[in-house]
Amino acid sequence: MNKTFYLTTAIDYANGSPHLGHAYEKILADVIIRTKQLNGVRTHFVTGLDEHGQKVQQGAESEGISPQERCDRIAGEFKNLLVQLDISHNDYIRTTESRHKKVVSSLLQDLFDRGEIYQAEYQGFYSTRAEQFLQEKDKVDGKWPEIYGEVTEITESNYFFKLSKYQDWLVEYLNNNESFIVPNFRRSQVQEFLKEPLNDLCISRPKERLSWGIPLPFDENYVTYVWFDALVNYVTAAGYGEEGFANLWPADLHVIGKDILAPPHAVYWPIMLKASNLPLPKQILAHGWWMSSGEKMSKSTGEVVDPLSLVEKRGVDAFRYFVMREMTVGQDADFSLERFESRYKTDLGNDLGNLLSRLFHMITTYENSKVPRVILNEEFEQKLRLNFETAKQNAMEHFDRFQFNQGLEQIFVFIRSINKYADERTPWKLAKSDLKEDQEKLKTCLGEMVESLRLAIQMLAPVMPGVHKKVNELLGLPECENWETDLHWDYRLEGQSLGEKTILFPRD
């Protein structure tokens, strides 16, 4: 039996409400999963919430509630986001769950027993915002970057993981595995990071300073560093220590933001796995940030977008389409409400929505709501079918490489060609003619357009699952389950009665 394709997102941090970046990452992962499924691949998709750490504890204290109460509330917000965005995940893991605490403790004890973790006194700098220790080399032009917030100098005893021991191994691994991190320029950034010597990783925090965490199994006076705890979720959710673990692990793809690539996912995590004698994930996909006027959106600047407000206004599929169409995976993208509305009105309203609306109107009016049989095979029809084959090949290739924006462009080139085909065949003029030749052209035109619409909608299924389901229902079809069987020009709708004309993307 083939291994299940196992995909994870970064687990969101329980320190605030969901924003556009969270929504995009979930949609990106969901589109990848749905694409795999349509290609006949069995999948398992995990997301979740990272609930420990100093910021969570401080946030709860400021609200006068327990950390668990705060995490429960925020977990509810993120779970609601998944429902609203039509995310098809299989598991939602929270790091406060007993299954996760058990795995973290097991891995820590094993590493400690084998001498991979040791105790030592630390003197240096600490960033509360980033929840990590810093070195002088982390300064830029002699100052701490804004991302670290307030940095204080501390001295305390802690436990350290022998990260530096594996630096040469990791450098060699990255050199020999070019596809481990995509896009490739992100791998180059990690390699640049590794040109500086690694320090061993402090994997503990004294309980007197931080109580909200998983206790070290070998010293109850300490809790586990939040990053060591959080990264382990990927093997926890795969069933580490249980039967069936090998069917999921190693992960086929970690989907994360570029800001947590190095060092957490591209340095800490591979080394943690190597030291634990576990296989590394097959690939890490690091996506970019959403920007506003060239600046990263953030709570601190007030530049934030509530994804659910856009979903409520224009529908989830329009939102999913926009974020997948606008961002080149791995790079940053600029967000504006004007751009969102433009995509909604042109691509979705004018191109796709208008196609369905006028096609259903014509078939209702000219053919009594039944799909006519295609009779002719002239140059117009041959060109339309060629347009489909070209779009299908190009779109599938782009989807395979996570180039979803380019894949969507290919699909909409085909959709626009369907509208152009109608303009050239002019079925509204043919319907006024009593000539047999013109009636054959009319039936052929409408039959070809229905088949073209069916195929376009199947290709859009991973990105716009709701629209796909709705249009298929109007066509009298089940949801597409496999592209191999459903992405073929076969006129399966001949004689089918269509549903009522529908406006897919209403205007204000």
Protein backbone atom coordinates (compact mmCIF):
# COMPACT_ATOMS: atom_id res chain seq x y z
CA MET A 1 0.00 0.00 0.00
CA ASN A 2 1.30 3.45 -0.94
CA LYS A 3 2.04 5.84 1.88
CA THR A 4 -0.61 8.49 2.54
CA PHE A 5 0.37 12.00 1.42
CA TYR A 6 0.77 13.80 4.76
CA LEU A 7 0.58 17.61 4.75
CA THR A 8 0.80 20.00 7.68
CA THR A 9 0.52 23.73 8.10
CA ALA A 10 2.34 25.65 10.78
CA ILE A 11 0.23 25.53 13.92
CA ASP A 12 -1.01 29.02 14.71
CA TYR A 13 0.15 30.72 17.89
CA ALA A 14 -2.52 31.33 20.53
CA ASN A 15 -1.60 34.96 20.94
CA GLY A 16 -4.27 36.71 18.87
CA SER A 17 -7.13 36.40 16.41
CA PRO A 18 -6.83 35.01 12.86
CA HIS A 19 -5.74 37.38 10.10
CA LEU A 20 -5.16 37.28 6.34
CA GLY A 21 -1.85 35.42 6.65
CA HIS A 22 -3.45 32.62 8.65
CA ALA A 23 -6.31 32.35 6.15
CA TYR A 24 -3.97 32.25 3.14
CA GLU A 25 -1.81 29.48 4.57
CA LYS A 26 -4.85 27.29 5.28
CA ILE A 27 -6.29 27.88 1.81
CA LEU A 28 -2.95 27.18 0.14
CA ALA A 29 -2.62 23.90 2.01
CA ASP A 30 -6.23 22.99 1.28
CA VAL A 31 -5.80 23.63 -2.46
CA ILE A 32 -2.71 21.39 -2.48
CA ILE A 33 -4.63 18.64 -0.68
CA ARG A 34 -7.66 18.87 -2.96
CA THR A 35 -5.38 18.81 -6.00
CA LYS A 36 -3.70 15.65 -4.73
CA GLN A 37 -7.07 14.01 -4.10
CA LEU A 38 -8.28 14.85 -7.61
CA ASN A 39 -5.13 13.16 -8.90
CA GLY A 40 -6.11 9.98 -7.04
CA VAL A 41 -3.78 10.39 -4.06
CA ARG A 42 -4.85 9.42 -0.52
CA THR A 43 -4.17 12.35 1.82
CA HIS A 44 -4.03 13.39 5.48
CA PHE A 45 -4.11 17.11 6.32
CA VAL A 46 -3.26 18.49 9.77
CA THR A 47 -3.40 21.98 11.22
CA GLY A 48 -3.72 23.20 14.79
CA LEU A 49 -2.79 25.59 17.58
CA ASP A 50 0.46 26.25 19.47
CA GLU A 51 -0.69 27.05 23.00
CA HIS A 52 2.33 27.27 25.31
CA GLY A 53 4.89 29.98 25.91
CA GLN A 54 5.50 33.24 27.67
CA LYS A 55 3.31 35.45 25.47
CA VAL A 56 0.30 33.23 26.04
CA GLN A 57 0.87 33.28 29.79
CA GLN A 58 1.31 37.04 29.84
CA GLY A 59 -1.78 37.57 27.67
CA ALA A 60 -3.89 35.48 30.02
CA GLU A 61 -2.57 37.36 33.06
CA SER A 62 -3.46 40.69 31.47
CA GLU A 63 -7.04 39.45 30.93
CA GLY A 64 -7.30 37.99 34.41
CA ILE A 65 -8.02 34.48 33.14
CA SER A 66 -6.10 31.21 33.02
CA PRO A 67 -3.88 30.43 30.01
CA GLN A 68 -6.08 27.43 29.18
CA GLU A 69 -9.21 29.61 29.11
CA ARG A 70 -7.51 32.01 26.74
CA CYS A 71 -6.31 29.19 24.51
CA ASP A 72 -9.77 27.62 24.40
CA ARG A 73 -11.26 30.90 23.21
CA ILE A 74 -8.62 31.47 20.54
CA ALA A 75 -8.86 27.83 19.40
CA GLY A 76 -12.55 28.45 18.84
CA GLU A 77 -11.76 31.45 16.62
CA PHE A 78 -9.27 29.51 14.50
CA LYS A 79 -11.57 26.50 14.17
CA ASN A 80 -14.35 28.80 13.04
CA LEU A 81 -12.00 30.24 10.42
CA LEU A 82 -11.40 26.74 9.04
CA VAL A 83 -15.14 26.14 8.73
CA GLN A 84 -15.76 29.50 7.08
CA LEU A 85 -12.93 28.96 4.57
CA ASP A 86 -14.13 25.45 3.64
CA ILE A 87 -10.87 23.83 4.76
CA SER A 88 -10.85 20.03 4.44
CA HIS A 89 -8.41 19.14 7.23
CA ASN A 90 -8.44 15.69 8.86
CA ASP A 91 -7.03 16.62 12.26
CA TYR A 92 -6.74 19.69 14.47
CA ILE A 93 -3.97 19.34 17.02
CA ARG A 94 -3.56 21.48 20.12
CA THR A 95 -0.30 21.38 22.03
CA THR A 96 -2.12 21.24 25.36
CA GLU A 97 -3.57 17.83 24.44
CA SER A 98 -2.34 14.81 26.39
CA ARG A 99 -1.33 12.97 23.21
CA HIS A 100 1.10 15.78 22.41
CA LYS A 101 2.51 16.16 25.93
CA LYS A 102 3.22 12.42 25.95
CA VAL A 103 5.20 12.57 22.69
CA VAL A 104 7.19 15.67 23.70
CA SER A 105 8.15 14.05 27.00
CA SER A 106 9.13 10.82 25.27
CA LEU A 107 11.39 12.55 22.74
CA LEU A 108 13.00 14.78 25.39
CA GLN A 109 13.72 11.84 27.69
CA ASP A 110 15.25 9.85 24.85
CA LEU A 111 17.50 12.73 23.80
CA PHE A 112 18.53 13.37 27.40
CA ASP A 113 19.30 9.69 28.02
CA ARG A 114 21.55 9.59 24.96
CA GLY A 115 23.49 12.71 25.95
CA GLU A 116 21.98 15.02 23.32
CA ILE A 117 20.70 17.39 26.05
CA TYR A 118 22.86 18.84 28.83
CA GLN A 119 22.52 21.46 31.59
CA ALA A 120 24.60 24.65 31.65
CA GLU A 121 24.45 28.27 32.78
CA TYR A 122 23.43 30.82 30.17
CA GLN A 123 24.38 34.48 30.14
CA GLY A 124 23.13 36.59 27.30
CA PHE A 125 20.14 38.32 25.74
CA TYR A 126 16.51 37.25 25.64
CA SER A 127 13.61 38.41 23.46
CA THR A 128 10.19 37.96 25.06
CA ARG A 129 8.40 38.72 21.80
CA ALA A 130 10.30 36.04 19.86
CA GLU A 131 10.67 33.85 22.95
CA GLN A 132 14.28 33.07 22.10
CA PHE A 133 17.80 33.77 23.25
CA LEU A 134 19.86 36.09 21.08
CA GLN A 135 23.50 36.74 20.28
CA GLU A 136 25.31 39.95 19.38
CA LYS A 137 25.35 38.73 15.78
CA ASP A 138 21.55 39.04 15.70
CA LYS A 139 21.83 42.83 15.87
CA VAL A 140 21.52 44.92 12.72
CA ASP A 141 23.67 48.05 12.62
CA GLY A 142 24.28 47.59 16.33
CA LYS A 143 20.57 47.50 17.21
CA TRP A 144 18.04 44.75 17.88
CA PRO A 145 15.60 44.44 14.94
CA GLU A 146 12.01 45.45 15.68
CA ILE A 147 10.89 41.82 15.31
CA TYR A 148 12.51 41.01 18.68
CA GLY A 149 10.71 43.74 20.63
CA GLU A 150 12.19 44.38 24.09
CA VAL A 151 15.47 42.51 24.64
CA THR A 152 16.84 41.98 28.13
CA GLU A 153 20.12 40.56 29.43
CA ILE A 154 19.73 37.53 31.70
CA THR A 155 21.79 34.86 33.47
CA GLU A 156 20.18 31.54 34.35
CA SER A 157 20.74 27.79 34.37
CA ASN A 158 19.01 25.91 31.55
CA TYR A 159 19.08 22.74 29.47
CA PHE A 160 20.59 22.78 25.99
CA PHE A 161 20.15 20.58 22.94
CA LYS A 162 23.35 19.86 20.96
CA LEU A 163 22.32 21.70 17.83
CA SER A 164 25.85 22.65 16.80
CA LYS A 165 26.87 18.98 16.67
CA TYR A 166 24.75 18.53 13.53
CA GLN A 167 25.57 21.70 11.60
CA ASP A 168 27.93 20.05 9.11
CA TRP A 169 25.43 17.25 8.54
CA LEU A 170 22.62 19.73 7.82
CA VAL A 171 24.77 21.77 5.43
CA GLU A 172 25.59 18.62 3.49
CA TYR A 173 21.95 17.50 3.54
CA LEU A 174 20.75 20.79 2.04
CA ASN A 175 23.48 20.65 -0.60
CA ASN A 176 22.41 17.14 -1.62
CA ASN A 177 18.63 17.70 -1.47
CA GLU A 178 17.81 20.67 -3.65
CA SER A 179 14.04 20.15 -3.45
CA PHE A 180 13.91 19.94 0.37
CA ILE A 181 12.99 23.63 0.64
CA VAL A 182 10.89 25.38 -2.01
CA PRO A 183 11.07 27.79 -3.63
CA ASN A 184 14.78 27.28 -4.21
CA PHE A 185 15.81 30.81 -3.25
CA ARG A 186 14.52 30.10 0.27
CA ARG A 187 16.90 27.12 0.49
CA SER A 188 19.72 29.48 -0.49
CA GLN A 189 18.75 31.77 2.40
CA VAL A 190 18.98 28.87 4.84
CA GLN A 191 22.37 27.90 3.45
CA GLU A 192 23.51 31.48 3.96
CA PHE A 193 22.23 31.33 7.56
CA LEU A 194 24.27 28.18 8.16
CA LYS A 195 27.53 29.87 7.18
CA GLU A 196 27.62 31.24 10.73
CA PRO A 197 28.37 28.78 13.56
CA LEU A 198 25.30 27.41 15.30
CA ASN A 199 24.89 27.71 19.05
CA ASP A 200 23.35 24.88 21.00
CA LEU A 201 19.62 25.39 21.49
CA CYS A 202 18.24 26.25 24.92
CA ILE A 203 15.22 23.97 25.20
CA SER A 204 14.02 24.88 28.70
CA ARG A 205 12.63 27.76 30.72
CA PRO A 206 12.71 27.86 34.55
CA LYS A 207 9.23 27.45 36.03
CA GLU A 208 9.88 30.42 38.29
CA ARG A 209 9.89 32.57 35.11
CA LEU A 210 7.46 30.60 32.97
CA SER A 211 5.03 27.99 34.24
CA TRP A 212 2.85 27.62 31.13
CA GLY A 213 4.51 24.79 29.27
CA ILE A 214 5.22 21.07 29.18
CA PRO A 215 7.48 20.09 32.14
CA LEU A 216 10.82 18.50 31.29
CA PRO A 217 10.49 14.78 32.10
CA PHE A 218 13.95 14.75 33.69
CA ASP A 219 13.62 18.00 35.70
CA GLU A 220 10.23 19.23 36.92
CA ASN A 221 11.67 22.65 37.73
CA TYR A 222 11.67 23.51 34.03
CA VAL A 223 9.19 23.62 31.15
CA THR A 224 9.96 22.96 27.49
CA TYR A 225 10.93 25.81 25.16
CA VAL A 226 7.87 26.64 23.04
CA TRP A 227 9.57 25.95 19.69
CA PHE A 228 10.80 22.50 20.71
CA ASP A 229 7.28 21.76 21.94
CA ALA A 230 5.49 23.19 18.87
CA LEU A 231 7.56 21.52 16.15
CA VAL A 232 6.97 18.09 17.65
CA ASN A 233 3.25 18.44 16.81
CA TYR A 234 3.97 17.14 13.33
CA VAL A 235 5.01 13.71 14.58
CA THR A 236 2.39 13.73 17.34
CA ALA A 237 -0.38 14.17 14.77
CA ALA A 238 1.17 11.41 12.65
CA GLY A 239 0.77 8.99 15.58
CA TYR A 240 4.34 8.79 16.88
CA GLY A 241 4.77 5.63 18.96
CA GLU A 242 1.60 4.08 17.57
CA GLU A 243 0.82 1.54 14.88
CA GLY A 244 0.39 3.26 11.53
CA PHE A 245 2.95 6.01 12.18
CA ALA A 246 4.96 4.91 9.13
CA ASN A 247 1.90 5.32 6.91
CA LEU A 248 2.03 9.07 7.57
CA TRP A 249 5.58 9.89 8.59
CA PRO A 250 7.73 11.34 7.14
CA ALA A 251 5.54 14.28 6.26
CA ASP A 252 5.36 14.87 2.52
CA LEU A 253 4.97 18.62 2.87
CA HIS A 254 5.20 21.25 5.62
CA VAL A 255 3.47 24.48 4.54
CA ILE A 256 4.81 27.45 6.54
CA GLY A 257 5.44 31.18 6.35
CA LYS A 258 8.88 32.44 5.34
CA ASP A 259 9.39 34.07 8.76
CA ILE A 260 9.55 30.69 10.54
CA LEU A 261 11.71 28.90 7.97
CA ALA A 262 15.11 29.64 9.51
CA PRO A 263 15.96 28.70 12.07
CA PRO A 264 12.85 26.84 13.39
CA HIS A 265 11.72 24.65 10.47
CA ALA A 266 14.88 24.48 8.39
CA VAL A 267 17.45 24.19 11.21
CA TYR A 268 15.94 23.18 14.56
CA TRP A 269 13.43 20.70 13.18
CA PRO A 270 15.67 18.68 10.81
CA ILE A 271 18.32 18.42 13.51
CA MET A 272 15.77 17.44 16.16
CA LEU A 273 14.56 14.65 13.88
CA LYS A 274 18.07 13.52 12.97
CA ALA A 275 19.08 13.36 16.64
CA SER A 276 15.87 11.42 17.40
CA ASN A 277 16.59 8.91 14.61
CA LEU A 278 13.45 9.92 12.73
CA PRO A 279 13.15 10.55 8.97
CA LEU A 280 13.06 14.15 7.79
CA PRO A 281 10.01 15.61 6.03
CA LYS A 282 10.24 15.30 2.27
CA GLN A 283 9.67 18.98 1.56
CA ILE A 284 9.09 22.36 3.17
CA LEU A 285 7.13 25.00 1.27
CA ALA A 286 7.74 28.53 2.57
CA HIS A 287 5.21 31.09 1.41
CA GLY A 288 5.51 34.87 1.49
CA TRP A 289 3.72 37.64 3.35
CA TRP A 290 0.72 39.73 2.47
CA MET A 291 1.77 43.35 2.16
CA SER A 292 -0.06 46.66 2.07
CA SER A 293 1.62 49.42 0.08
CA GLY A 294 4.89 47.54 0.32
CA GLU A 295 4.75 47.03 4.09
CA LYS A 296 3.95 43.80 5.93
CA MET A 297 0.46 43.71 7.39
CA SER A 298 0.62 43.53 11.17
CA LYS A 299 -1.34 44.38 14.28
CA SER A 300 1.39 46.76 15.41
CA THR A 301 0.96 48.96 12.32
CA GLY A 302 -2.80 48.64 12.23
CA GLU A 303 -2.61 47.14 8.74
CA VAL A 304 -4.73 44.01 9.12
CA VAL A 305 -7.48 42.38 7.09
CA ASP A 306 -10.26 40.36 8.65
CA PRO A 307 -10.65 37.49 6.18
CA LEU A 308 -14.10 36.59 7.47
CA SER A 309 -15.45 40.05 6.64
CA LEU A 310 -14.45 39.54 3.00
CA VAL A 311 -15.92 36.03 3.03
CA GLU A 312 -19.17 37.38 4.42
CA LYS A 313 -19.32 40.10 1.77
CA ARG A 314 -18.33 38.19 -1.38
CA GLY A 315 -18.43 34.50 -0.49
CA VAL A 316 -15.72 32.06 0.47
CA ASP A 317 -14.91 30.89 -3.05
CA ALA A 318 -14.31 34.43 -4.27
CA PHE A 319 -11.92 34.96 -1.36
CA ARG A 320 -10.14 31.65 -1.98
CA TYR A 321 -9.79 32.52 -5.66
CA PHE A 322 -8.38 35.95 -4.94
CA VAL A 323 -5.61 34.87 -2.56
CA MET A 324 -4.56 31.98 -4.82
CA ARG A 325 -4.67 34.13 -7.94
CA GLU A 326 -2.79 37.09 -6.50
CA MET A 327 0.12 35.48 -4.69
CA THR A 328 3.00 33.71 -6.37
CA VAL A 329 3.78 30.97 -3.87
CA GLY A 330 6.99 31.77 -2.03
CA GLN A 331 6.93 35.49 -2.77
CA ASP A 332 5.17 38.42 -1.13
CA ALA A 333 1.96 39.88 -2.55
CA ASP A 334 0.25 43.23 -2.11
CA PHE A 335 -3.32 43.28 -0.85
CA SER A 336 -5.88 45.96 -1.53
CA LEU A 337 -9.65 45.98 -1.39
CA GLU A 338 -9.65 47.61 -4.83
CA ARG A 339 -7.70 44.68 -6.27
CA PHE A 340 -10.01 42.21 -4.57
CA GLU A 341 -13.09 43.90 -6.02
CA SER A 342 -11.48 44.06 -9.46
CA ARG A 343 -10.86 40.29 -9.50
CA TYR A 344 -14.39 39.69 -8.25
CA LYS A 345 -16.03 41.77 -10.96
CA THR A 346 -13.81 40.85 -13.94
CA ASP A 347 -12.55 37.27 -13.58
CA LEU A 348 -15.45 35.95 -11.55
CA GLY A 349 -18.37 38.17 -12.52
CA ASN A 350 -17.71 39.01 -16.15
CA ASP A 351 -15.81 35.90 -17.28
CA LEU A 352 -17.15 32.94 -15.31
CA GLY A 353 -20.42 34.24 -13.89
CA ASN A 354 -21.58 35.80 -17.15
CA LEU A 355 -20.69 32.62 -19.05
CA LEU A 356 -22.92 30.46 -16.86
CA SER A 357 -25.73 33.00 -16.75
CA ARG A 358 -26.07 33.56 -20.48
CA LEU A 359 -25.49 29.90 -21.34
CA PHE A 360 -28.27 28.72 -19.04
CA HIS A 361 -30.55 31.46 -20.34
CA MET A 362 -29.97 30.40 -23.95
CA ILE A 363 -30.48 26.70 -23.30
CA THR A 364 -33.66 27.42 -21.34
CA THR A 365 -34.95 29.68 -24.11
CA TYR A 366 -33.82 27.79 -27.21
CA GLU A 367 -33.68 24.15 -26.08
CA ASN A 368 -36.27 23.86 -23.31
CA SER A 369 -33.50 23.56 -20.64
CA LYS A 370 -32.00 20.40 -22.18
CA VAL A 371 -28.40 20.13 -23.37
CA PRO A 372 -28.50 19.61 -27.15
CA ARG A 373 -26.41 17.12 -29.08
CA VAL A 374 -23.29 18.45 -30.80
CA ILE A 375 -23.70 17.89 -34.53
CA LEU A 376 -20.91 19.77 -36.26
CA ASN A 377 -17.14 19.66 -35.94
CA GLU A 378 -15.95 22.79 -37.66
CA GLU A 379 -12.97 25.06 -37.13
CA PHE A 380 -14.67 26.96 -34.30
CA GLU A 381 -15.23 23.72 -32.32
CA GLN A 382 -11.78 22.34 -33.07
CA LYS A 383 -10.17 25.54 -31.84
CA LEU A 384 -12.22 25.48 -28.62
CA ARG A 385 -11.22 21.89 -27.85
CA LEU A 386 -7.59 22.74 -28.56
CA ASN A 387 -7.89 25.65 -26.12
CA PHE A 388 -9.09 23.23 -23.46
CA GLU A 389 -6.29 20.72 -24.02
CA THR A 390 -3.71 23.52 -23.82
CA ALA A 391 -5.25 24.98 -20.66
CA LYS A 392 -5.54 21.55 -19.04
CA GLN A 393 -1.90 20.63 -19.69
CA ASN A 394 -0.53 24.01 -18.62
CA ALA A 395 -2.77 24.34 -15.55
CA MET A 396 -1.99 20.84 -14.27
CA GLU A 397 1.75 21.41 -14.70
CA HIS A 398 1.54 24.71 -12.81
CA PHE A 399 -0.56 23.13 -10.04
CA ASP A 400 2.00 20.34 -9.65
CA ARG A 401 4.69 22.98 -9.05
CA PHE A 402 2.51 24.96 -6.61
CA GLN A 403 2.25 27.77 -9.19
CA PHE A 404 -1.45 28.16 -8.60
CA ASN A 405 -1.71 31.75 -9.79
CA GLN A 406 -0.33 30.77 -13.19
CA GLY A 407 -2.52 27.67 -13.30
CA LEU A 408 -5.61 29.77 -12.61
CA GLU A 409 -4.63 32.19 -15.34
CA GLN A 410 -4.51 29.28 -17.81
CA ILE A 411 -7.98 28.13 -16.74
CA PHE A 412 -9.40 31.61 -17.16
CA VAL A 413 -7.78 31.96 -20.58
CA PHE A 414 -9.89 28.94 -21.50
CA ILE A 415 -13.02 30.42 -19.86
CA ARG A 416 -12.56 33.61 -21.84
CA SER A 417 -12.14 31.54 -25.00
CA ILE A 418 -15.57 29.97 -24.34
CA ASN A 419 -17.12 33.44 -24.25
CA LYS A 420 -15.23 34.34 -27.42
CA TYR A 421 -16.50 31.16 -29.09
CA ALA A 422 -20.07 32.25 -28.31
CA ASP A 423 -19.40 35.71 -29.71
CA GLU A 424 -18.10 34.14 -32.92
CA ARG A 425 -20.91 31.57 -33.27
CA THR A 426 -23.62 34.12 -32.26
CA PRO A 427 -26.23 31.61 -31.03
CA TRP A 428 -28.71 34.45 -30.38
CA LYS A 429 -28.70 35.17 -34.13
CA LEU A 430 -28.78 31.50 -35.12
CA ALA A 431 -31.88 30.97 -32.97
CA LYS A 432 -33.83 33.40 -35.19
CA SER A 433 -33.10 31.36 -38.32
CA ASP A 434 -35.27 28.52 -39.60
CA LEU A 435 -32.48 27.09 -41.75
CA LYS A 436 -31.46 23.55 -40.83
CA GLU A 437 -27.79 24.50 -41.09
CA ASP A 438 -28.21 27.35 -38.61
CA GLN A 439 -30.16 25.16 -36.19
CA GLU A 440 -27.34 22.60 -36.29
CA LYS A 441 -24.85 25.37 -35.57
CA LEU A 442 -27.00 26.56 -32.65
CA LYS A 443 -27.24 23.12 -31.07
CA THR A 444 -23.55 22.51 -31.62
CA CYS A 445 -22.62 25.85 -30.08
CA LEU A 446 -24.70 25.33 -26.95
CA GLY A 447 -23.54 21.72 -26.54
CA GLU A 448 -19.90 22.75 -26.90
CA MET A 449 -20.32 25.57 -24.40
CA VAL A 450 -21.91 23.30 -21.79
CA GLU A 451 -19.11 20.77 -22.18
CA SER A 452 -16.51 23.54 -21.95
CA LEU A 453 -18.12 24.94 -18.81
CA ARG A 454 -18.19 21.48 -17.22
CA LEU A 455 -14.48 21.00 -17.86
CA ALA A 456 -13.53 24.49 -16.64
CA ILE A 457 -15.45 23.95 -13.41
CA GLN A 458 -13.70 20.61 -12.77
CA MET A 459 -10.32 22.32 -13.09
CA LEU A 460 -11.41 25.00 -10.62
CA ALA A 461 -12.54 22.45 -8.02
CA PRO A 462 -9.48 22.65 -5.68
CA VAL A 463 -9.61 26.44 -5.48
CA MET A 464 -13.38 27.01 -5.60
CA PRO A 465 -14.98 23.86 -4.16
CA GLY A 466 -18.29 25.57 -3.37
CA VAL A 467 -18.76 27.02 -6.85
CA HIS A 468 -17.69 23.69 -8.33
CA LYS A 469 -20.33 21.85 -6.32
CA LYS A 470 -23.04 24.38 -7.10
CA VAL A 471 -22.42 24.41 -10.86
CA ASN A 472 -22.19 20.63 -10.99
CA GLU A 473 -25.56 20.44 -9.26
CA LEU A 474 -27.01 22.79 -11.89
CA LEU A 475 -25.51 20.55 -14.58
CA GLY A 476 -26.96 17.46 -12.92
CA LEU A 477 -23.53 16.05 -12.05
CA PRO A 478 -21.94 14.74 -8.84
CA GLU A 479 -18.86 16.48 -7.50
CA CYS A 480 -15.67 15.72 -9.41
CA GLU A 481 -13.66 13.05 -7.61
CA ASN A 482 -10.88 12.25 -10.06
CA TRP A 483 -9.42 14.37 -12.85
CA GLU A 484 -8.27 11.28 -14.75
CA THR A 485 -11.89 10.29 -15.40
CA ASP A 486 -13.57 13.71 -15.44
CA LEU A 487 -11.20 15.94 -17.41
CA HIS A 488 -12.05 14.52 -20.82
CA TRP A 489 -14.12 15.99 -23.63
CA ASP A 490 -16.92 13.40 -23.84
CA TYR A 491 -20.28 15.22 -24.08
CA ARG A 492 -21.65 13.30 -21.09
CA LEU A 493 -24.30 15.98 -20.54
CA GLU A 494 -26.11 15.46 -23.85
CA GLY A 495 -29.86 15.38 -23.18
CA GLN A 496 -29.41 16.44 -19.56
CA SER A 497 -31.95 18.85 -18.07
CA LEU A 498 -30.24 21.84 -16.49
CA GLY A 499 -31.15 23.66 -13.31
CA GLU A 500 -32.40 27.21 -13.18
CA LYS A 501 -30.27 30.12 -14.26
CA THR A 502 -28.16 31.30 -11.31
CA ILE A 503 -26.11 34.40 -10.56
CA LEU A 504 -22.86 33.02 -9.13
CA PHE A 505 -21.28 36.34 -8.21
CA PRO A 506 -23.89 38.98 -7.40
CA ARG A 507 -23.08 42.63 -7.91
CA ASP A 508 -23.86 45.23 -5.28
